[in-house]
């Protein structure tokens, strides 16, 4: 059997018979549109809560007791500061969702979570059901074993903050999207206590606590007010219910553009699934638009969900005893999702200046199409930008992928040179030109190259100068390129980037074929492939000093050159005795690298 899924966060495959469905009586027939029973928090309240529970301490990992993966084994324990940072991060997403955000650290749960990471790090396999190492004592293994079967787990994230926000709460990869198990455990309303563990790049969070009494019957993510910092355009949406769901139809309407997405078993404008496994709350509807989601600040969606709960006899706990009751019937929920910038809550975005926008559009005509604008086209693009119906990324794509530009039949080099002039405001430098042309030679599409330019800091600055929002460009039709072991251009382009950034050279045919296949077959997660390049004999043979080493990490994992303050900080950490491997894991788990990976659709 092919070994798969070893290097990524997988959904918690927990035995449902271990769990009791703590549900209350549900009427046979729902009457009218139901309201969400989670607490509603304003944008300002969310901003204030997150500021007070920043989770900053979870962006690094320190230990009260250092774990040991060799005999004599030591399970270890994270420092109180790191544990507090992790639970603050968890409580922040719970507060945004409107579920009880008073989860505390439990010592016993922390030991189980830490044990789970210890045995997985020892075996170098991520699993909820670890085998016992031959030299591990029975008492230590028992803690590790029971921890594995009761935790969210992950491999490849450098920090607990990173795995909570970009791993478990995202849950967007192919093995998790159908049920969103990690996310549902994080947002389980009945959770009151948890624990966290970390050994090397293995992480865990205890998930099975149900000691919080609550009457919440449904949870949604993204929430009614969601910071753009906590939800990616490629993340799936979900509606979770304490009752199992037989069928459902979802309508998602973008109130800014008027675009409507419909989801159901029969026909969907994107991904759709109903899962009734007991991940915190038994029922779950998962949906995601096929062209992903506009998550710019100020964007509002209306979600309407009509469905039928499973008709069955179930055991419920009420009035101090267990009773059998009949549940089932139709339901309907409707709610709005407001995306906002947590640094600028409640900020109203005024119309853009018409004169500045006219200059911006004229610039696109001359630099992209090579001609002066016609009156009708200039007016149309300008009006949409002034009223903020579209952004800089959208109008840029409108020009670059227009029939007029495509009919020019420009070469790869001419295409890249045009992108430099339009989206970076300068002529291409030779190194940059060679980089993009080499990527295209190895499978990167023109659309992917365009995304690299339109999402750049330089284009952000250009848009800002003209008073418009840059926005983000979503690659079309890329849900999960790692399908049935097929090596796609996105995968090839990602691996080529690692060669250039980490090793300072283009790939060789056998190398790019091997690493691309490892990702396509889901044997190795993209983040782990990048780390392995840094561990490679070729890289180590360069004998970089600490300064050169840190500079490479900046280029590879943050997509930019170092800043002086950051460089000095990391050099200081190495001088204090922190290992190069530990520093590498911090870079590999950073938000910037997660976004780089997502930009390739991975």
Protein backbone atom coordinates (compact mmCIF):
# COMPACT_ATOMS: atom_id res chain seq x y z
CA UNK A 1 0.00 0.00 0.00
CA UNK A 2 1.33 3.43 -0.91
CA UNK A 3 2.27 5.48 2.15
CA UNK A 4 0.43 8.80 2.11
CA UNK A 5 -0.31 11.85 4.19
CA UNK A 6 2.68 11.55 6.50
CA UNK A 7 3.73 15.18 6.41
CA UNK A 8 0.58 17.14 6.90
CA UNK A 9 -2.07 18.00 9.38
CA UNK A 10 -4.75 15.32 9.07
CA UNK A 11 -8.28 15.32 10.32
CA UNK A 12 -8.77 13.88 13.78
CA UNK A 13 -10.01 10.34 13.07
CA UNK A 14 -11.51 9.75 16.46
CA UNK A 15 -13.82 6.86 17.32
CA UNK A 16 -17.31 8.26 17.52
CA UNK A 17 -18.40 5.55 19.94
CA UNK A 18 -16.15 7.18 22.53
CA UNK A 19 -18.27 10.30 22.41
CA UNK A 20 -21.80 11.00 23.62
CA UNK A 21 -24.06 13.29 21.64
CA UNK A 22 -25.04 15.84 24.27
CA UNK A 23 -28.09 17.14 22.42
CA UNK A 24 -31.31 18.68 23.64
CA UNK A 25 -34.84 18.07 22.40
CA UNK A 26 -35.46 19.42 18.93
CA UNK A 27 -38.98 20.11 17.67
CA UNK A 28 -40.17 17.85 14.85
CA UNK A 29 -40.71 20.79 12.50
CA UNK A 30 -38.74 24.03 12.34
CA UNK A 31 -40.84 27.19 12.12
CA UNK A 32 -39.52 30.07 10.01
CA UNK A 33 -35.95 31.23 9.57
CA UNK A 34 -33.81 30.36 12.59
CA UNK A 35 -31.24 32.67 14.14
CA UNK A 36 -27.75 31.60 15.06
CA UNK A 37 -27.51 30.94 18.79
CA UNK A 38 -23.85 31.91 19.08
CA UNK A 39 -23.01 35.21 20.72
CA UNK A 40 -22.77 38.16 18.32
CA UNK A 41 -19.66 40.31 18.74
CA UNK A 42 -19.09 43.61 16.95
CA UNK A 43 -15.95 44.29 14.94
CA UNK A 44 -14.61 46.57 17.66
CA UNK A 45 -15.28 43.98 20.36
CA UNK A 46 -13.44 41.36 18.33
CA UNK A 47 -10.50 43.71 17.73
CA UNK A 48 -10.30 44.48 21.45
CA UNK A 49 -10.50 40.82 22.48
CA UNK A 50 -7.84 39.69 20.02
CA UNK A 51 -5.56 42.52 21.11
CA UNK A 52 -5.93 41.41 24.73
CA UNK A 53 -5.36 37.75 23.75
CA UNK A 54 -2.74 38.20 21.06
CA UNK A 55 -1.23 34.73 21.31
CA UNK A 56 2.18 36.27 20.63
CA UNK A 57 3.89 33.79 22.97
CA UNK A 58 2.64 30.93 20.77
CA UNK A 59 4.62 32.27 17.79
CA UNK A 60 7.72 30.72 19.33
CA UNK A 61 8.09 27.62 21.49
CA UNK A 62 9.88 27.43 24.83
CA UNK A 63 9.86 24.61 27.35
CA UNK A 64 9.42 24.24 31.06
CA UNK A 65 10.66 20.65 30.68
CA UNK A 66 12.51 19.81 27.45
CA UNK A 67 11.23 16.60 25.79
CA UNK A 68 13.61 13.77 24.94
CA UNK A 69 12.88 11.30 22.13
CA UNK A 70 15.60 8.87 23.18
CA UNK A 71 16.05 6.75 26.28
CA UNK A 72 15.59 7.79 29.02
CA UNK A 73 12.45 9.34 27.53
CA UNK A 74 11.11 12.65 28.84
CA UNK A 75 7.58 13.65 27.76
CA UNK A 76 8.36 17.29 28.50
CA UNK A 77 6.11 20.33 28.87
CA UNK A 78 5.88 23.64 27.08
CA UNK A 79 6.48 26.77 29.11
CA UNK A 80 3.54 28.47 30.79
CA UNK A 81 4.05 31.44 28.45
CA UNK A 82 3.82 29.28 25.31
CA UNK A 83 0.77 27.41 26.62
CA UNK A 84 -0.95 30.69 27.46
CA UNK A 85 -0.17 32.03 24.00
CA UNK A 86 -1.68 28.91 22.43
CA UNK A 87 -4.89 28.99 24.45
CA UNK A 88 -5.20 32.75 23.85
CA UNK A 89 -4.96 32.06 20.10
CA UNK A 90 -7.62 29.38 20.39
CA UNK A 91 -9.89 31.62 22.46
CA UNK A 92 -9.51 34.41 19.91
CA UNK A 93 -10.96 32.30 17.08
CA UNK A 94 -13.66 31.02 19.42
CA UNK A 95 -14.59 34.59 20.38
CA UNK A 96 -14.82 35.54 16.70
CA UNK A 97 -17.13 32.55 16.16
CA UNK A 98 -19.25 33.47 19.19
CA UNK A 99 -18.69 30.27 21.17
CA UNK A 100 -17.46 30.33 24.81
CA UNK A 101 -13.96 31.83 24.72
CA UNK A 102 -12.93 30.92 28.26
CA UNK A 103 -11.05 27.68 27.53
CA UNK A 104 -8.28 27.03 30.05
CA UNK A 105 -5.17 24.85 30.12
CA UNK A 106 -5.54 21.49 31.88
CA UNK A 107 -2.37 19.79 33.14
CA UNK A 108 -3.56 16.28 32.35
CA UNK A 109 -4.66 17.21 28.85
CA UNK A 110 -1.35 19.01 28.29
CA UNK A 111 0.57 15.87 29.22
CA UNK A 112 -1.49 13.81 26.77
CA UNK A 113 -0.97 16.32 23.95
CA UNK A 114 2.75 16.53 24.64
CA UNK A 115 2.99 12.73 24.74
CA UNK A 116 1.27 12.50 21.37
CA UNK A 117 3.92 14.70 19.78
CA UNK A 118 6.76 12.86 21.53
CA UNK A 119 5.94 9.41 20.17
CA UNK A 120 5.19 10.74 16.70
CA UNK A 121 8.50 12.62 16.65
CA UNK A 122 10.26 9.45 17.76
CA UNK A 123 8.61 7.35 15.05
CA UNK A 124 8.68 10.18 12.48
CA UNK A 125 5.12 9.31 11.56
CA UNK A 126 2.03 11.41 12.21
CA UNK A 127 -0.76 9.20 13.47
CA UNK A 128 -3.49 9.13 16.11
CA UNK A 129 -2.58 5.52 16.85
CA UNK A 130 1.23 5.33 17.29
CA UNK A 131 3.15 2.11 17.65
CA UNK A 132 5.28 1.68 20.76
CA UNK A 133 9.03 2.22 20.20
CA UNK A 134 10.94 -0.85 21.33
CA UNK A 135 12.81 1.00 24.07
CA UNK A 136 9.92 3.17 25.34
CA UNK A 137 8.61 2.21 28.81
CA UNK A 138 4.98 1.08 29.01
CA UNK A 139 3.89 3.88 31.35
CA UNK A 140 5.24 6.60 29.06
CA UNK A 141 3.81 4.92 25.97
CA UNK A 142 0.37 4.72 27.57
CA UNK A 143 0.33 8.51 28.00
CA UNK A 144 1.51 8.99 24.43
CA UNK A 145 -1.00 6.50 23.05
CA UNK A 146 -4.04 7.94 24.79
CA UNK A 147 -2.93 11.43 23.81
CA UNK A 148 -2.76 10.51 20.15
CA UNK A 149 -6.34 9.27 20.03
CA UNK A 150 -7.74 12.39 21.68
CA UNK A 151 -5.95 15.27 19.95
CA UNK A 152 -5.84 17.40 16.85
CA UNK A 153 -2.38 16.63 15.49
CA UNK A 154 -0.11 18.11 12.83
CA UNK A 155 3.38 17.81 11.39
CA UNK A 156 5.39 20.53 9.68
CA UNK A 157 4.26 23.68 11.49
CA UNK A 158 6.91 25.67 13.32
CA UNK A 159 4.62 27.20 15.94
CA UNK A 160 1.36 26.52 17.76
CA UNK A 161 0.02 29.86 16.56
CA UNK A 162 0.70 28.82 12.97
CA UNK A 163 -0.94 25.40 13.25
CA UNK A 164 -4.06 26.79 14.94
CA UNK A 165 -4.67 29.61 12.44
CA UNK A 166 -3.20 28.22 9.20
CA UNK A 167 -3.59 24.51 9.87
CA UNK A 168 -6.51 23.40 12.02
CA UNK A 169 -8.76 26.42 11.41
CA UNK A 170 -8.09 26.38 7.67
CA UNK A 171 -8.48 22.61 7.16
CA UNK A 172 -8.55 23.24 3.42
CA UNK A 173 -6.39 20.41 2.09
CA UNK A 174 -7.87 17.40 0.34
CA UNK A 175 -7.88 15.05 3.34
CA UNK A 176 -9.70 17.48 5.65
CA UNK A 177 -12.05 19.61 3.57
CA UNK A 178 -14.81 16.98 3.44
CA UNK A 179 -15.40 17.17 7.22
CA UNK A 180 -13.25 19.99 8.69
CA UNK A 181 -12.59 17.88 11.78
CA UNK A 182 -9.83 20.06 13.20
CA UNK A 183 -11.86 23.26 12.87
CA UNK A 184 -14.96 21.71 14.40
CA UNK A 185 -12.99 20.56 17.45
CA UNK A 186 -11.43 24.02 17.86
CA UNK A 187 -14.89 25.63 17.77
CA UNK A 188 -16.73 22.94 19.75
CA UNK A 189 -19.01 24.98 22.08
CA UNK A 190 -18.79 22.40 24.89
CA UNK A 191 -15.01 22.63 25.19
CA UNK A 192 -13.87 24.24 28.45
CA UNK A 193 -10.35 22.85 28.89
CA UNK A 194 -7.54 21.76 26.61
CA UNK A 195 -3.80 21.15 26.45
CA UNK A 196 -1.06 21.62 23.85
CA UNK A 197 2.14 19.81 22.97
CA UNK A 198 5.08 20.26 20.60
CA UNK A 199 8.11 18.10 19.89
CA UNK A 200 10.28 19.18 16.98
CA UNK A 201 7.75 20.06 14.23
CA UNK A 202 4.99 17.80 15.59
CA UNK A 203 2.13 19.61 17.35
CA UNK A 204 -1.05 18.57 19.15
CA UNK A 205 -4.10 20.01 20.91
CA UNK A 206 -6.35 17.99 23.22
CA UNK A 207 -9.80 18.00 21.63
CA UNK A 208 -12.28 15.82 23.52
CA UNK A 209 -13.24 17.93 26.54
CA UNK A 210 -16.99 18.50 26.86
CA UNK A 211 -17.27 20.03 30.31
CA UNK A 212 -18.84 23.32 29.23
CA UNK A 213 -22.65 23.55 29.41
CA UNK A 214 -24.10 25.57 26.54
CA UNK A 215 -27.31 25.70 24.54
CA UNK A 216 -25.58 26.69 21.27
CA UNK A 217 -27.07 24.55 18.49
CA UNK A 218 -25.09 25.82 15.46
CA UNK A 219 -21.69 27.36 14.69
CA UNK A 220 -20.52 28.97 11.45
CA UNK A 221 -17.10 29.82 10.04
CA UNK A 222 -16.35 32.36 8.75
CA UNK A 223 -18.31 34.08 11.50
CA UNK A 224 -20.76 36.98 11.30
CA UNK A 225 -17.84 39.40 11.74
CA UNK A 226 -14.58 37.86 10.57
CA UNK A 227 -11.16 39.56 10.41
CA UNK A 228 -9.45 39.10 7.06
CA UNK A 229 -6.36 38.03 9.01
CA UNK A 230 -8.15 34.85 10.14
CA UNK A 231 -9.71 33.58 6.90
CA UNK A 232 -8.08 32.93 3.54
CA UNK A 233 -9.80 33.24 0.18
CA UNK A 234 -9.15 29.49 -0.36
CA UNK A 235 -10.57 28.37 3.00
CA UNK A 236 -13.85 26.43 3.00
CA UNK A 237 -17.00 27.71 4.71
CA UNK A 238 -19.02 25.59 7.11
CA UNK A 239 -22.25 25.42 9.07
CA UNK A 240 -22.07 23.02 12.04
CA UNK A 241 -25.10 21.72 13.92
CA UNK A 242 -25.64 19.67 17.06
CA UNK A 243 -28.07 17.60 14.93
CA UNK A 244 -27.11 15.39 12.03
CA UNK A 245 -28.09 16.70 8.59
CA UNK A 246 -29.81 14.67 5.88
CA UNK A 247 -29.80 17.20 3.04
CA UNK A 248 -29.21 20.91 2.47
CA UNK A 249 -29.14 23.69 -0.10
CA UNK A 250 -26.86 26.70 0.43
CA UNK A 251 -27.04 30.08 -1.29
CA UNK A 252 -24.06 32.40 -0.88
CA UNK A 253 -24.51 35.97 -2.16
CA UNK A 254 -21.73 38.55 -2.44
CA UNK A 255 -23.56 41.77 -1.56
CA UNK A 256 -20.82 43.91 -3.12
CA UNK A 257 -20.89 42.32 -6.57
CA UNK A 258 -24.28 40.63 -6.49
CA UNK A 259 -22.74 37.32 -7.52
CA UNK A 260 -24.65 34.27 -6.25
CA UNK A 261 -23.25 30.79 -5.57
CA UNK A 262 -25.54 27.79 -5.12
CA UNK A 263 -24.54 24.56 -3.40
CA UNK A 264 -26.40 21.25 -3.11
CA UNK A 265 -25.94 17.52 -3.70
CA UNK A 266 -27.36 17.82 -7.21
CA UNK A 267 -25.43 20.86 -8.47
CA UNK A 268 -22.88 23.19 -6.91
CA UNK A 269 -20.90 26.27 -7.87
CA UNK A 270 -17.89 24.85 -6.05
CA UNK A 271 -17.10 22.32 -3.35
CA UNK A 272 -19.99 20.92 -1.28
CA UNK A 273 -20.32 18.11 1.25
CA UNK A 274 -22.39 17.09 4.28
CA UNK A 275 -20.59 15.23 7.06
CA UNK A 276 -22.27 13.69 10.10
CA UNK A 277 -19.26 12.35 11.99
CA UNK A 278 -19.03 13.55 15.57
CA UNK A 279 -16.24 16.12 15.41
CA UNK A 280 -17.41 18.28 18.28
CA UNK A 281 -20.82 18.94 16.71
CA UNK A 282 -22.31 15.98 14.80
CA UNK A 283 -23.65 17.67 11.66
CA UNK A 284 -21.63 19.81 9.25
CA UNK A 285 -22.21 21.42 5.85
CA UNK A 286 -19.01 22.33 3.96
CA UNK A 287 -19.02 24.63 0.94
CA UNK A 288 -16.53 26.75 -1.03
CA UNK A 289 -17.01 28.79 -4.25
CA UNK A 290 -15.25 27.40 -7.31
CA UNK A 291 -13.41 30.69 -7.86
CA UNK A 292 -12.73 31.07 -4.16
CA UNK A 293 -13.84 33.93 -1.95
CA UNK A 294 -13.45 37.70 -1.99
CA UNK A 295 -12.29 38.43 1.55
CA UNK A 296 -11.33 42.08 1.21
CA UNK A 297 -12.27 44.28 4.14
CA UNK A 298 -15.77 45.63 3.65
CA UNK A 299 -17.02 42.63 1.66
CA UNK A 300 -20.31 41.22 2.94
CA UNK A 301 -21.95 37.89 2.11
CA UNK A 302 -25.44 36.67 2.87
CA UNK A 303 -25.67 32.94 3.62
CA UNK A 304 -28.98 31.12 3.36
CA UNK A 305 -29.17 27.46 4.34
CA UNK A 306 -32.25 25.30 3.89
CA UNK A 307 -32.13 21.67 4.86
CA UNK A 308 -33.51 18.66 6.67
CA UNK A 309 -32.20 17.11 9.83
CA UNK A 310 -31.89 13.34 9.99
CA UNK A 311 -35.11 11.79 11.27
CA UNK A 312 -34.20 9.29 13.95
CA UNK A 313 -34.56 8.25 17.54
CA UNK A 314 -31.64 9.45 19.59
CA UNK A 315 -30.59 9.51 23.22
CA UNK A 316 -30.53 12.97 24.76
CA UNK A 317 -29.67 14.12 28.27
CA UNK A 318 -32.36 16.30 29.80
CA UNK A 319 -33.87 16.83 33.23
CA UNK A 320 -30.99 14.94 34.81
CA UNK A 321 -31.42 11.68 32.90
CA UNK A 322 -31.07 10.09 29.48
CA UNK A 323 -34.23 9.84 27.38
CA UNK A 324 -35.05 8.64 23.89
CA UNK A 325 -36.67 11.29 21.68
CA UNK A 326 -37.60 11.65 18.02
CA UNK A 327 -35.65 14.29 16.12
CA UNK A 328 -35.85 15.48 12.54
CA UNK A 329 -37.59 17.97 10.31
CA UNK A 330 -36.80 20.95 8.07
CA UNK A 331 -34.76 24.01 8.99
CA UNK A 332 -33.64 27.32 7.51
CA UNK A 333 -30.91 29.70 8.67
CA UNK A 334 -29.85 33.03 7.22
CA UNK A 335 -27.00 35.28 8.34
CA UNK A 336 -24.50 37.82 7.01
CA UNK A 337 -20.70 37.46 7.05
CA UNK A 338 -18.84 40.77 7.25
CA UNK A 339 -15.10 40.71 6.50
CA UNK A 340 -13.05 43.46 8.14
CA UNK A 341 -9.47 44.46 8.89
CA UNK A 342 -8.82 43.81 12.56
CA UNK A 343 -6.46 46.79 12.59
CA UNK A 344 -9.22 49.08 11.29
CA UNK A 345 -12.56 47.80 12.59
CA UNK A 346 -15.75 49.56 11.46
CA UNK A 347 -13.77 51.52 8.89
CA UNK A 348 -15.91 52.96 6.13
CA UNK A 349 -14.15 53.02 2.76
CA UNK A 350 -15.03 56.23 0.85
CA UNK A 351 -15.28 56.35 -2.93
CA UNK A 352 -11.96 56.75 -4.73
CA UNK A 353 -10.96 60.02 -6.40
CA UNK A 354 -12.24 59.96 -10.00
CA UNK A 355 -9.33 61.94 -11.40
CA UNK A 356 -6.73 59.63 -9.85
CA UNK A 357 -8.60 56.53 -10.96
CA UNK A 358 -8.88 57.84 -14.52
CA UNK A 359 -5.09 58.21 -14.59
CA UNK A 360 -4.70 54.68 -13.21
CA UNK A 361 -6.92 53.15 -15.91
CA UNK A 362 -5.24 55.20 -18.64
CA UNK A 363 -1.92 53.85 -17.41
CA UNK A 364 -3.18 50.27 -17.92
CA UNK A 365 -4.29 51.04 -21.46
CA UNK A 366 -0.96 52.54 -22.46
CA UNK A 367 1.41 50.14 -20.64
CA UNK A 368 -0.52 46.91 -21.21
CA UNK A 369 -2.42 47.39 -24.48
CA UNK A 370 -0.03 49.97 -25.93
CA UNK A 371 -2.72 52.48 -26.93
CA UNK A 372 -4.85 55.33 -25.63
CA UNK A 373 -8.18 54.39 -24.03
CA UNK A 374 -11.52 54.60 -25.82
CA UNK A 375 -14.11 56.72 -24.00
CA UNK A 376 -16.56 53.94 -23.17
CA UNK A 377 -13.96 51.54 -21.80
CA UNK A 378 -12.25 54.27 -19.77
CA UNK A 379 -15.56 55.31 -18.23
CA UNK A 380 -16.62 51.75 -17.39
CA UNK A 381 -13.39 50.74 -15.64
CA UNK A 382 -13.14 54.09 -13.85
CA UNK A 383 -16.70 53.97 -12.48
CA UNK A 384 -16.25 50.46 -11.10
CA UNK A 385 -13.00 51.39 -9.37
CA UNK A 386 -14.36 54.69 -8.01
CA UNK A 387 -17.33 52.91 -6.44
CA UNK A 388 -15.05 50.08 -5.25
CA UNK A 389 -17.03 47.40 -7.04
CA UNK A 390 -13.72 45.98 -8.25
CA UNK A 391 -10.11 46.33 -7.11
CA UNK A 392 -6.69 46.75 -8.67
CA UNK A 393 -6.13 43.02 -9.04
CA UNK A 394 -9.43 42.52 -10.84
CA UNK A 395 -8.94 45.36 -13.33
CA UNK A 396 -5.34 44.24 -13.91
CA UNK A 397 -6.54 40.76 -14.84
CA UNK A 398 -9.21 42.31 -17.06
CA UNK A 399 -6.52 43.93 -19.18
CA UNK A 400 -3.85 41.22 -19.14
CA UNK A 401 -6.28 38.42 -20.02
CA UNK A 402 -8.45 40.45 -22.38
CA UNK A 403 -9.02 39.20 -25.92
CA UNK A 404 -7.18 42.27 -27.21
CA UNK A 405 -3.99 41.54 -25.31
CA UNK A 406 -4.16 37.77 -25.86
CA UNK A 407 -4.53 38.33 -29.62
CA UNK A 408 -1.14 40.05 -29.71
CA UNK A 409 0.56 36.66 -29.42
CA UNK A 410 3.42 38.03 -27.29
CA UNK A 411 6.33 35.81 -26.33
CA UNK A 412 7.03 34.76 -22.74
CA UNK A 413 9.75 37.37 -22.46
CA UNK A 414 7.51 40.15 -23.79
CA UNK A 415 4.76 39.03 -21.39
CA UNK A 416 7.03 39.22 -18.34
CA UNK A 417 8.51 42.56 -19.42
CA UNK A 418 4.98 43.96 -19.71
CA UNK A 419 4.16 42.73 -16.18
CA UNK A 420 7.23 44.53 -14.82
CA UNK A 421 6.18 47.80 -16.45
CA UNK A 422 2.52 47.59 -15.38
CA UNK A 423 2.70 46.03 -11.92
CA UNK A 424 6.13 47.05 -10.70
CA UNK A 425 6.48 50.40 -12.45
CA UNK A 426 9.90 49.66 -13.93
CA UNK A 427 11.76 47.70 -16.58
CA UNK A 428 12.69 44.10 -15.80
CA UNK A 429 16.11 43.40 -14.30
CA UNK A 430 17.97 40.51 -15.88
CA UNK A 431 17.95 38.29 -12.78
CA UNK A 432 14.23 38.73 -12.29
CA UNK A 433 13.49 38.17 -15.97
CA UNK A 434 15.56 34.98 -15.98
CA UNK A 435 13.78 33.76 -12.85
CA UNK A 436 10.28 34.07 -14.29
CA UNK A 437 11.23 32.72 -17.71
CA UNK A 438 12.86 29.69 -16.13
CA UNK A 439 9.74 29.05 -14.05
CA UNK A 440 7.57 29.24 -17.15
CA UNK A 441 9.92 26.86 -18.96
CA UNK A 442 9.35 24.39 -16.12
CA UNK A 443 5.57 24.56 -16.16
CA UNK A 444 4.44 27.78 -14.48
CA UNK A 445 1.45 29.23 -16.32
CA UNK A 446 1.09 32.86 -17.40
CA UNK A 447 -1.75 33.19 -14.92
CA UNK A 448 0.53 32.08 -12.09
CA UNK A 449 3.22 34.53 -13.17
CA UNK A 450 0.60 37.28 -13.31
CA UNK A 451 -0.47 36.48 -9.74
CA UNK A 452 3.12 36.86 -8.57
CA UNK A 453 3.21 40.40 -9.96
CA UNK A 454 -0.31 41.55 -9.11
CA UNK A 455 0.05 40.43 -5.47
CA UNK A 456 3.42 42.16 -5.10
CA UNK A 457 4.35 44.96 -2.72
CA UNK A 458 5.25 47.12 -5.71
CA UNK A 459 1.74 46.90 -7.15
CA UNK A 460 0.31 47.55 -3.70
CA UNK A 461 2.26 50.78 -3.65
CA UNK A 462 1.14 51.75 -7.15
CA UNK A 463 -2.51 51.19 -6.26
CA UNK A 464 -2.10 53.17 -3.05
CA UNK A 465 -0.65 56.11 -4.98
CA UNK A 466 -3.85 56.21 -7.07
CA UNK A 467 -6.13 55.76 -4.04
CA UNK A 468 -7.53 52.33 -4.88
CA UNK A 469 -7.52 48.94 -3.13
CA UNK A 470 -5.13 46.39 -4.62
CA UNK A 471 -7.07 43.24 -3.68
CA UNK A 472 -5.86 39.70 -4.40
CA UNK A 473 -5.98 37.62 -7.53
CA UNK A 474 -7.35 34.08 -7.10
CA UNK A 475 -6.10 31.48 -9.53
CA UNK A 476 -9.09 30.07 -11.37
CA UNK A 477 -10.15 26.47 -11.07
CA UNK A 478 -7.51 25.36 -8.56
CA UNK A 479 -9.15 23.62 -5.64
CA UNK A 480 -6.45 21.07 -4.82
CA UNK A 481 -3.85 20.34 -7.49
CA UNK A 482 -2.60 17.20 -5.74
CA UNK A 483 -5.17 14.92 -7.34
CA UNK A 484 -4.58 11.24 -8.07
CA UNK A 485 -0.83 11.71 -8.09
CA UNK A 486 -0.83 14.08 -11.07
CA UNK A 487 2.10 16.49 -11.19
CA UNK A 488 0.52 19.82 -12.12
CA UNK A 489 2.22 23.03 -13.31
CA UNK A 490 1.48 24.58 -9.91
CA UNK A 491 3.46 21.87 -8.13
CA UNK A 492 6.33 22.11 -10.59
CA UNK A 493 6.45 25.89 -10.22
CA UNK A 494 6.50 25.61 -6.42
CA UNK A 495 9.41 23.15 -6.46
CA UNK A 496 11.29 25.31 -8.98
CA UNK A 497 10.93 28.26 -6.61
CA UNK A 498 12.48 26.26 -3.76
CA UNK A 499 15.44 25.33 -5.95
CA UNK A 500 16.07 28.96 -6.87
CA UNK A 501 15.53 30.44 -3.40
CA UNK A 502 17.17 27.74 -1.25
CA UNK A 503 19.91 26.36 -3.49
CA UNK A 504 20.45 29.41 -5.70
CA UNK A 505 20.14 27.52 -8.96
CA UNK A 506 17.53 26.22 -11.43
CA UNK A 507 16.31 22.68 -10.93
CA UNK A 508 17.73 19.65 -12.67
CA UNK A 509 15.27 17.38 -14.53
CA UNK A 510 15.55 14.39 -12.20
CA UNK A 511 15.35 16.54 -9.07
CA UNK A 512 12.25 18.50 -9.99
CA UNK A 513 10.56 15.31 -11.19
CA UNK A 514 11.26 13.56 -7.87
CA UNK A 515 10.16 16.36 -5.53
CA UNK A 516 7.09 17.23 -7.61
CA UNK A 517 6.01 13.60 -7.51
CA UNK A 518 6.48 13.46 -3.74
CA UNK A 519 4.05 16.38 -3.35
CA UNK A 520 1.61 15.07 -5.98
CA UNK A 521 1.46 11.65 -4.30
CA UNK A 522 0.91 13.43 -0.96
CA UNK A 523 3.91 11.67 0.52
CA UNK A 524 5.41 14.99 1.59
CA UNK A 525 3.73 18.27 2.45
CA UNK A 526 5.04 21.32 0.53
CA UNK A 527 6.40 22.92 3.72
CA UNK A 528 8.38 19.78 4.52
CA UNK A 529 9.88 19.66 1.04
CA UNK A 530 11.19 23.19 1.54
CA UNK A 531 12.73 22.24 4.89
CA UNK A 532 14.38 19.16 3.37
CA UNK A 533 16.12 21.38 0.80
CA UNK A 534 17.76 23.25 3.69
CA UNK A 535 18.80 19.91 5.22
CA UNK A 536 20.19 18.63 1.91
CA UNK A 537 23.89 17.77 1.45
CA UNK A 538 24.06 20.33 -1.37
CA UNK A 539 22.90 23.12 0.93
CA UNK A 540 25.07 22.02 3.84
CA UNK A 541 28.03 21.80 1.44
CA UNK A 542 27.83 25.54 0.90
CA UNK A 543 29.12 26.00 4.48
CA UNK A 544 27.15 29.19 5.03
CA UNK A 545 27.93 31.20 8.14
CA UNK A 546 25.04 32.21 10.40
CA UNK A 547 24.42 35.48 8.57
CA UNK A 548 24.31 33.86 5.14
CA UNK A 549 22.09 31.07 6.51
CA UNK A 550 19.50 33.50 7.86
CA UNK A 551 19.47 35.47 4.61
CA UNK A 552 18.60 32.32 2.66
CA UNK A 553 15.76 31.58 5.08
CA UNK A 554 14.32 35.05 4.49
CA UNK A 555 14.37 34.55 0.71
CA UNK A 556 12.96 31.03 0.84
CA UNK A 557 10.28 31.30 3.50
CA UNK A 558 9.35 34.99 3.60
CA UNK A 559 9.78 35.78 -0.07
CA UNK A 560 11.95 38.84 0.52
CA UNK A 561 15.38 40.06 1.54
CA UNK A 562 16.19 40.39 5.22
CA UNK A 563 15.64 43.50 7.29
CA UNK A 564 18.47 44.54 9.58
CA UNK A 565 16.49 44.24 12.82
CA UNK A 566 15.21 40.78 11.91
CA UNK A 567 18.64 39.57 10.85
CA UNK A 568 20.18 40.76 14.11
CA UNK A 569 17.43 39.07 16.12
CA UNK A 570 17.96 35.67 14.52
CA UNK A 571 21.75 35.91 14.73
CA UNK A 572 21.28 36.67 18.41
CA UNK A 573 19.10 33.59 18.82
CA UNK A 574 21.78 31.40 17.23
CA UNK A 575 24.44 32.95 19.45
CA UNK A 576 22.31 32.06 22.49
CA UNK A 577 22.49 28.40 21.50
CA UNK A 578 19.29 28.01 19.51
CA UNK A 579 19.82 25.39 16.81
CA UNK A 580 19.68 26.12 13.10
CA UNK A 581 16.94 23.50 12.80
CA UNK A 582 14.78 25.26 15.37
CA UNK A 583 15.24 28.60 13.61
CA UNK A 584 14.36 26.93 10.29
CA UNK A 585 11.10 25.59 11.77
CA UNK A 586 10.15 29.09 12.93
CA UNK A 587 10.64 30.44 9.40
CA UNK A 588 8.82 27.47 7.83
CA UNK A 589 5.81 28.05 10.07
CA UNK A 590 5.53 31.79 9.42
CA UNK A 591 2.36 33.28 7.88
CA UNK A 592 4.32 34.63 4.91
CA UNK A 593 5.34 31.13 3.83
CA UNK A 594 1.81 29.80 4.28
CA UNK A 595 0.63 32.50 1.87
CA UNK A 596 3.42 31.64 -0.59
CA UNK A 597 2.32 27.99 -0.55
CA UNK A 598 -1.31 28.99 -1.05
CA UNK A 599 -0.35 31.22 -3.97
CA UNK A 600 0.62 28.03 -5.84
CA UNK A 601 -2.75 26.49 -4.99
CA UNK A 602 -1.17 24.00 -2.58
